[in-house]
C-alpha atoms as a PDB file:
ATOM      1  CA  MET A   1      26.401 -85.077-125.227  1.00  0.00           C
ATOM      2  CA  GLU A   2      28.402 -88.175-124.306  1.00  0.00           C
ATOM      3  CA  ASP A   3      30.130 -90.143-127.060  1.00  0.00           C
ATOM      4  CA  TYR A   4      27.754 -93.087-126.708  1.00  0.00           C
ATOM      5  CA  GLN A   5      24.751 -90.752-126.972  1.00  0.00           C
ATOM      6  CA  LYS A   6      26.090 -89.208-130.178  1.00  0.00           C
ATOM      7  CA  LYS A   7      26.845 -92.697-131.489  1.00  0.00           C
ATOM      8  CA  PHE A   8      23.294 -93.825-130.719  1.00  0.00           C
ATOM      9  CA  LEU A   9      21.754 -90.772-132.375  1.00  0.00           C
ATOM     10  CA  GLU A  10      23.873 -91.014-135.507  1.00  0.00           C
ATOM     11  CA  LEU A  11      23.291 -94.761-135.724  1.00  0.00           C
ATOM     12  CA  SER A  12      19.546 -94.143-135.461  1.00  0.00           C
ATOM     13  CA  LEU A  13      19.711 -91.632-138.313  1.00  0.00           C
ATOM     14  CA  LYS A  14      21.893 -93.886-140.460  1.00  0.00           C
ATOM     15  CA  THR A  15      19.513 -96.852-140.161  1.00  0.00           C
ATOM     16  CA  LYS A  16      16.379 -94.645-140.403  1.00  0.00           C
ATOM     17  CA  VAL A  17      15.315 -95.740-136.949  1.00  0.00           C
ATOM     18  CA  LEU A  18      14.852 -92.008-136.451  1.00  0.00           C
ATOM     19  CA  GLU A  19      12.995 -90.173-139.204  1.00  0.00           C
ATOM     20  CA  PHE A  20      11.643 -86.666-139.615  1.00  0.00           C
ATOM     21  CA  GLY A  21       8.312 -85.967-141.317  1.00  0.00           C
ATOM     22  CA  ASP A  22       4.629 -86.184-140.390  1.00  0.00           C
ATOM     23  CA  PHE A  23       3.596 -89.096-138.197  1.00  0.00           C
ATOM     24  CA  THR A  24       0.552 -90.076-136.147  1.00  0.00           C
ATOM     25  CA  LEU A  25       1.513 -91.778-132.870  1.00  0.00           C
ATOM     26  CA  LYS A  26      -0.494 -94.421-131.021  1.00  0.00           C
ATOM     27  CA  SER A  27      -1.552 -91.647-128.665  1.00  0.00           C
ATOM     28  CA  GLY A  28      -3.110 -89.815-131.620  1.00  0.00           C
ATOM     29  CA  ARG A  29      -0.593 -86.985-131.381  1.00  0.00           C
ATOM     30  CA  GLN A  30       0.831 -85.610-134.632  1.00  0.00           C
ATOM     31  CA  SER A  31       4.610 -85.761-134.457  1.00  0.00           C
ATOM     32  CA  PRO A  32       7.374 -84.272-136.648  1.00  0.00           C
ATOM     33  CA  TYR A  33       9.573 -87.297-135.968  1.00  0.00           C
ATOM     34  CA  PHE A  34       9.270 -91.033-135.453  1.00  0.00           C
ATOM     35  CA  PHE A  35      11.486 -93.608-133.760  1.00  0.00           C
ATOM     36  CA  ASN A  36      11.312 -97.327-134.592  1.00  0.00           C
ATOM     37  CA  ALA A  37      14.171 -99.419-133.209  1.00  0.00           C
ATOM     38  CA  ALA A  38      13.087-102.489-135.208  1.00  0.00           C
ATOM     39  CA  ARG A  39      14.755-100.974-138.257  1.00  0.00           C
ATOM     40  CA  MET A  40      18.080-101.581-136.544  1.00  0.00           C
ATOM     41  CA  LEU A  41      17.520-105.242-137.405  1.00  0.00           C
ATOM     42  CA  ASN A  42      17.980-104.495-141.103  1.00  0.00           C
ATOM     43  CA  GLY A  43      21.557-103.313-141.134  1.00  0.00           C
ATOM     44  CA  GLY A  44      23.737-105.457-138.895  1.00  0.00           C
ATOM     45  CA  TYR A  45      24.290-102.821-136.211  1.00  0.00           C
ATOM     46  CA  LEU A  46      23.054-104.796-133.238  1.00  0.00           C
ATOM     47  CA  TYR A  47      26.391-104.902-131.443  1.00  0.00           C
ATOM     48  CA  GLU A  48      26.751-101.123-131.697  1.00  0.00           C
ATOM     49  CA  LEU A  49      23.184-100.712-130.449  1.00  0.00           C
ATOM     50  CA  ALA A  50      23.746-103.050-127.514  1.00  0.00           C
ATOM     51  CA  ASP A  51      26.947-101.216-126.639  1.00  0.00           C
ATOM     52  CA  CYS A  52      25.060 -97.904-126.409  1.00  0.00           C
ATOM     53  CA  TYR A  53      22.618 -99.453-123.943  1.00  0.00           C
ATOM     54  CA  LYS A  54      25.482-101.018-121.979  1.00  0.00           C
ATOM     55  CA  GLN A  55      27.372 -97.730-121.732  1.00  0.00           C
ATOM     56  CA  THR A  56      24.200 -96.061-120.475  1.00  0.00           C
ATOM     57  CA  ILE A  57      23.863 -98.779-117.826  1.00  0.00           C
ATOM     58  CA  ASP A  58      27.492 -98.249-116.814  1.00  0.00           C
ATOM     59  CA  ALA A  59      27.250 -94.436-116.779  1.00  0.00           C
ATOM     60  CA  ALA A  60      24.175 -94.531-114.524  1.00  0.00           C
ATOM     61  CA  ASN A  61      25.673 -97.299-112.354  1.00  0.00           C
ATOM     62  CA  LEU A  62      22.445 -99.310-112.612  1.00  0.00           C
ATOM     63  CA  LYS A  63      22.023-102.349-110.364  1.00  0.00           C
ATOM     64  CA  PHE A  64      19.377-104.999-111.023  1.00  0.00           C
ATOM     65  CA  ASP A  65      18.688-108.729-110.795  1.00  0.00           C
ATOM     66  CA  CYS A  66      17.065-109.557-114.124  1.00  0.00           C
ATOM     67  CA  ILE A  67      16.090-108.095-117.508  1.00  0.00           C
ATOM     68  CA  TYR A  68      12.600-107.859-118.956  1.00  0.00           C
ATOM     69  CA  GLY A  69      11.832-106.894-122.548  1.00  0.00           C
ATOM     70  CA  PRO A  70       8.224-106.010-123.457  1.00  0.00           C
ATOM     71  CA  ALA A  71       6.941-107.337-126.789  1.00  0.00           C
ATOM     72  CA  TYR A  72       7.902-106.605-129.394  1.00  0.00           C
ATOM     73  CA  LYS A  73      10.894-104.242-129.500  1.00  0.00           C
ATOM     74  CA  GLY A  74      11.970-105.169-125.981  1.00  0.00           C
ATOM     75  CA  ILE A  75      12.416-108.794-127.033  1.00  0.00           C
ATOM     76  CA  PHE A  76      15.432-108.206-129.240  1.00  0.00           C
ATOM     77  CA  LEU A  77      16.708-105.282-127.169  1.00  0.00           C
ATOM     78  CA  GLY A  78      16.669-107.346-123.988  1.00  0.00           C
ATOM     79  CA  SER A  79      18.391-110.209-125.797  1.00  0.00           C
ATOM     80  CA  ILE A  80      21.282-108.190-127.230  1.00  0.00           C
ATOM     81  CA  ILE A  81      21.782-106.328-123.954  1.00  0.00           C
ATOM     82  CA  ALA A  82      21.901-109.620-122.031  1.00  0.00           C
ATOM     83  CA  VAL A  83      24.484-110.941-124.509  1.00  0.00           C
ATOM     84  CA  ILE A  84      26.806-107.940-124.291  1.00  0.00           C
ATOM     85  CA  LEU A  85      26.577-107.912-120.493  1.00  0.00           C
ATOM     86  CA  ASP A  86      27.386-111.630-120.499  1.00  0.00           C
ATOM     87  CA  GLN A  87      30.474-110.892-122.620  1.00  0.00           C
ATOM     88  CA  ASN A  88      31.572-108.556-119.849  1.00  0.00           C
ATOM     89  CA  GLY A  89      31.072-111.145-117.127  1.00  0.00           C
ATOM     90  CA  PHE A  90      27.559-110.276-115.958  1.00  0.00           C
ATOM     91  CA  LYS A  91      24.867-112.912-116.336  1.00  0.00           C
ATOM     92  CA  TYR A  92      21.239-111.904-115.934  1.00  0.00           C
ATOM     93  CA  PRO A  93      18.026-113.911-116.362  1.00  0.00           C
ATOM     94  CA  LEU A  94      16.026-112.604-119.320  1.00  0.00           C
ATOM     95  CA  SER A  95      12.279-112.763-119.906  1.00  0.00           C
ATOM     96  CA  PHE A  96       9.776-111.186-122.257  1.00  0.00           C
ATOM     97  CA  ASN A  97       6.072-111.414-122.902  1.00  0.00           C
ATOM     98  CA  ARG A  98       3.732-112.501-125.641  1.00  0.00           C
ATOM     99  CA  LYS A  99       0.914-110.269-126.793  1.00  0.00           C
ATOM    100  CA  GLU A 100      -1.516-113.166-126.340  1.00  0.00           C
ATOM    101  CA  VAL A 101      -1.585-115.826-123.632  1.00  0.00           C
ATOM    102  CA  LYS A 102      -0.524-119.284-124.849  1.00  0.00           C
ATOM    103  CA  ASP A 103      -2.709-122.158-123.626  1.00  0.00           C
ATOM    104  CA  HIS A 104      -0.380-125.038-124.585  1.00  0.00           C
ATOM    105  CA  GLY A 105       3.295-125.910-124.217  1.00  0.00           C
ATOM    106  CA  GLU A 106       4.783-123.821-121.429  1.00  0.00           C
ATOM    107  CA  GLY A 107       1.605-121.718-121.416  1.00  0.00           C
ATOM    108  CA  GLY A 108       1.127-118.219-120.098  1.00  0.00           C
ATOM    109  CA  ASN A 109       2.342-115.006-121.676  1.00  0.00           C
ATOM    110  CA  VAL A 110       5.890-114.820-120.259  1.00  0.00           C
ATOM    111  CA  ILE A 111       8.802-116.527-121.990  1.00  0.00           C
ATOM    112  CA  GLY A 112      11.800-117.229-119.806  1.00  0.00           C
ATOM    113  CA  LYS A 113      11.998-117.193-116.030  1.00  0.00           C
ATOM    114  CA  ASN A 114       9.371-115.026-114.389  1.00  0.00           C
ATOM    115  CA  PRO A 115      10.829-111.651-113.358  1.00  0.00           C
ATOM    116  CA  SER A 116      12.076-111.617-109.774  1.00  0.00           C
ATOM    117  CA  GLY A 117      13.902-109.204-107.510  1.00  0.00           C
ATOM    118  CA  ASP A 118      14.858-105.828-108.987  1.00  0.00           C
ATOM    119  CA  VAL A 119      13.901-105.723-112.659  1.00  0.00           C
ATOM    120  CA  LEU A 120      15.453-103.726-115.501  1.00  0.00           C
ATOM    121  CA  ILE A 121      12.840-103.088-118.211  1.00  0.00           C
ATOM    122  CA  VAL A 122      14.341-102.318-121.628  1.00  0.00           C
ATOM    123  CA  ASP A 123      12.475-100.811-124.565  1.00  0.00           C
ATOM    124  CA  ASP A 124      13.008 -98.490-127.506  1.00  0.00           C
ATOM    125  CA  VAL A 125      10.953 -95.400-126.662  1.00  0.00           C
ATOM    126  CA  ILE A 126       8.693 -93.833-124.063  1.00  0.00           C
ATOM    127  CA  SER A 127       5.923 -91.505-125.228  1.00  0.00           C
ATOM    128  CA  ALA A 128       2.765 -91.218-123.134  1.00  0.00           C
ATOM    129  CA  GLY A 129       3.783 -94.131-120.872  1.00  0.00           C
ATOM    130  CA  THR A 130       0.719 -96.318-121.494  1.00  0.00           C
ATOM    131  CA  ALA A 131       2.634 -99.364-122.748  1.00  0.00           C
ATOM    132  CA  ALA A 132       5.199 -98.991-119.970  1.00  0.00           C
ATOM    133  CA  LYS A 133       2.492 -99.182-117.306  1.00  0.00           C
ATOM    134  CA  GLU A 134       1.258-102.488-118.732  1.00  0.00           C
ATOM    135  CA  SER A 135       4.734-104.018-118.345  1.00  0.00           C
ATOM    136  CA  ILE A 136       5.165-102.582-114.874  1.00  0.00           C
ATOM    137  CA  GLU A 137       1.862-103.981-113.660  1.00  0.00           C
ATOM    138  CA  MET A 138       2.727-107.412-115.078  1.00  0.00           C
ATOM    139  CA  ILE A 139       6.070-107.400-113.266  1.00  0.00           C
ATOM    140  CA  LYS A 140       4.408-106.367-110.006  1.00  0.00           C
ATOM    141  CA  SER A 141       1.826-109.141-110.391  1.00  0.00           C
ATOM    142  CA  ALA A 142       4.719-111.625-110.576  1.00  0.00           C
ATOM    143  CA  GLY A 143       5.934-110.401-107.186  1.00  0.00           C
ATOM    144  CA  ALA A 144       8.959-108.563-108.607  1.00  0.00           C
ATOM    145  CA  TYR A 145       9.996-104.912-108.315  1.00  0.00           C
ATOM    146  CA  PRO A 146      10.133-102.822-111.533  1.00  0.00           C
ATOM    147  CA  LYS A 147      13.155-100.849-110.386  1.00  0.00           C
ATOM    148  CA  ILE A 148      14.445 -99.314-113.638  1.00  0.00           C
ATOM    149  CA  MET A 149      13.176 -98.658-117.129  1.00  0.00           C
ATOM    150  CA  LEU A 150      15.825 -98.005-119.773  1.00  0.00           C
ATOM    151  CA  VAL A 151      14.804 -96.762-123.219  1.00  0.00           C
ATOM    152  CA  GLY A 152      16.649 -95.526-126.264  1.00  0.00           C
ATOM    153  CA  LEU A 153      14.573 -92.364-126.638  1.00  0.00           C
ATOM    154  CA  ASP A 154      12.500 -90.404-124.140  1.00  0.00           C
ATOM    155  CA  ARG A 155      10.127 -88.191-126.121  1.00  0.00           C
ATOM    156  CA  GLN A 156       9.746 -86.046-122.958  1.00  0.00           C
ATOM    157  CA  GLU A 157       5.991 -85.828-123.471  1.00  0.00           C
ATOM    158  CA  LYS A 158       3.162 -85.325-121.035  1.00  0.00           C
ATOM    159  CA  GLY A 159       1.610 -88.454-119.654  1.00  0.00           C
ATOM    160  CA  SER A 160      -2.015 -88.465-118.502  1.00  0.00           C
ATOM    161  CA  GLY A 161      -1.583 -85.081-116.799  1.00  0.00           C
ATOM    162  CA  ASN A 162       0.902 -82.207-116.893  1.00  0.00           C
ATOM    163  CA  LEU A 163       3.853 -84.257-115.692  1.00  0.00           C
ATOM    164  CA  SER A 164       6.076 -85.997-118.196  1.00  0.00           C
ATOM    165  CA  ALA A 165       5.407 -89.689-118.765  1.00  0.00           C
ATOM    166  CA  ARG A 166       8.829 -90.389-117.254  1.00  0.00           C
ATOM    167  CA  ARG A 167       8.061 -88.453-114.093  1.00  0.00           C
ATOM    168  CA  GLU A 168       4.611 -90.039-113.784  1.00  0.00           C
ATOM    169  CA  LEU A 169       6.148 -93.514-113.871  1.00  0.00           C
ATOM    170  CA  GLU A 170       8.865 -92.578-111.389  1.00  0.00           C
ATOM    171  CA  GLU A 171       6.409 -91.121-108.895  1.00  0.00           C
ATOM    172  CA  GLU A 172       3.633 -93.697-109.285  1.00  0.00           C
ATOM    173  CA  TYR A 173       5.873 -96.760-109.133  1.00  0.00           C
ATOM    174  CA  ASP A 174       8.894 -95.527-107.154  1.00  0.00           C
ATOM    175  CA  MET A 175      11.227 -96.426-109.996  1.00  0.00           C
ATOM    176  CA  LYS A 176      13.924 -94.847-112.143  1.00  0.00           C
ATOM    177  CA  VAL A 177      13.399 -94.116-115.859  1.00  0.00           C
ATOM    178  CA  ILE A 178      16.525 -93.502-117.949  1.00  0.00           C
ATOM    179  CA  SER A 179      17.044 -92.870-121.643  1.00  0.00           C
ATOM    180  CA  ILE A 180      20.062 -92.820-123.924  1.00  0.00           C
ATOM    181  CA  ILE A 181      18.783 -89.694-125.689  1.00  0.00           C
ATOM    182  CA  ASN A 182      15.669 -87.508-125.468  1.00  0.00           C
ATOM    183  CA  LEU A 183      13.844 -84.776-127.368  1.00  0.00           C
ATOM    184  CA  ASP A 184      16.217 -82.151-125.987  1.00  0.00           C
ATOM    185  CA  THR A 185      19.074 -84.147-127.512  1.00  0.00           C
ATOM    186  CA  LEU A 186      17.392 -84.096-130.940  1.00  0.00           C
ATOM    187  CA  ILE A 187      16.859 -80.350-130.709  1.00  0.00           C
ATOM    188  CA  ALA A 188      20.464 -79.701-129.656  1.00  0.00           C
ATOM    189  CA  TYR A 189      21.725 -81.910-132.483  1.00  0.00           C
ATOM    190  CA  SER A 190      19.518 -80.101-135.022  1.00  0.00           C
ATOM    191  CA  GLU A 191      20.839 -76.757-133.821  1.00  0.00           C
ATOM    192  CA  SER A 192      24.491 -77.702-134.289  1.00  0.00           C
ATOM    193  CA  ASN A 193      24.526 -79.904-137.402  1.00  0.00           C
ATOM    194  CA  PRO A 194      24.142 -78.500-140.934  1.00  0.00           C
ATOM    195  CA  GLY A 195      21.239 -80.079-142.801  1.00  0.00           C
ATOM    196  CA  PHE A 196      19.137 -80.633-139.685  1.00  0.00           C
ATOM    197  CA  GLU A 197      18.334 -77.038-138.791  1.00  0.00           C
ATOM    198  CA  ASN A 198      15.252 -77.197-141.036  1.00  0.00           C
ATOM    199  CA  HIS A 199      13.684 -79.609-138.483  1.00  0.00           C
ATOM    200  CA  LEU A 200      14.360 -77.295-135.555  1.00  0.00           C
ATOM    201  CA  ASP A 201      11.219 -75.147-135.608  1.00  0.00           C
ATOM    202  CA  ARG A 202       8.873 -78.152-135.790  1.00  0.00           C
ATOM    203  CA  LEU A 203      10.698 -79.972-133.000  1.00  0.00           C
ATOM    204  CA  GLN A 204      10.518 -76.915-130.763  1.00  0.00           C
ATOM    205  CA  GLU A 205       6.856 -76.392-131.591  1.00  0.00           C
ATOM    206  CA  TYR A 206       6.111 -80.015-130.725  1.00  0.00           C
ATOM    207  CA  ARG A 207       7.963 -79.668-127.421  1.00  0.00           C
ATOM    208  CA  ASN A 208       5.974 -76.527-126.619  1.00  0.00           C
ATOM    209  CA  GLN A 209       2.701 -78.347-127.305  1.00  0.00           C
ATOM    210  CA  TRP A 210       3.317 -81.759-125.750  1.00  0.00           C
ATOM    211  CA  GLY A 211       6.491 -81.418-123.733  1.00  0.00           C
ATOM    212  CA  ALA A 212       6.630 -81.529-119.969  1.00  0.00           C
END
């Protein structure tokens, strides 16, 4: 595990972005853990969070023309990532969407310049991939190329078939999907850190049932 991955995981635990328990996901699956990046807004750790995303971008040598953040988590994630990249001399147009189309003012459902060129999509988590496909289709309809999706956590779950949601997106849209951490990371962390081994069996059972 890279230092920035460990930092991201421990920051997620500290702010209760990552919790263990019994949760029902949007997909209807019963999960032993839940990830909600919005809780990072409560504790003043946005710079540290943005730095984890930036280091992932640097480590993967990602190249893109603009940033797109899907509502709602992607709005603040895209914003803080754009800021920290700007601090390092890289300026990227940023846009995000509304859940509902606005029929007055600037109108439409995209705030900021419409995505163009190679687009970096940023979000908190990928599960079954349904929400990701909505963003990808919107970007394609704008005439742009959804080149990369970067998330904090890849749950490494099956999509609509036996492939993982990540692999489905990569194959269907000819794009790259990257995460800071994934389910394997959580399992490895639980194996090696006292106090977390009690979550290990449930995490492994969940991976056996829904993993791909």
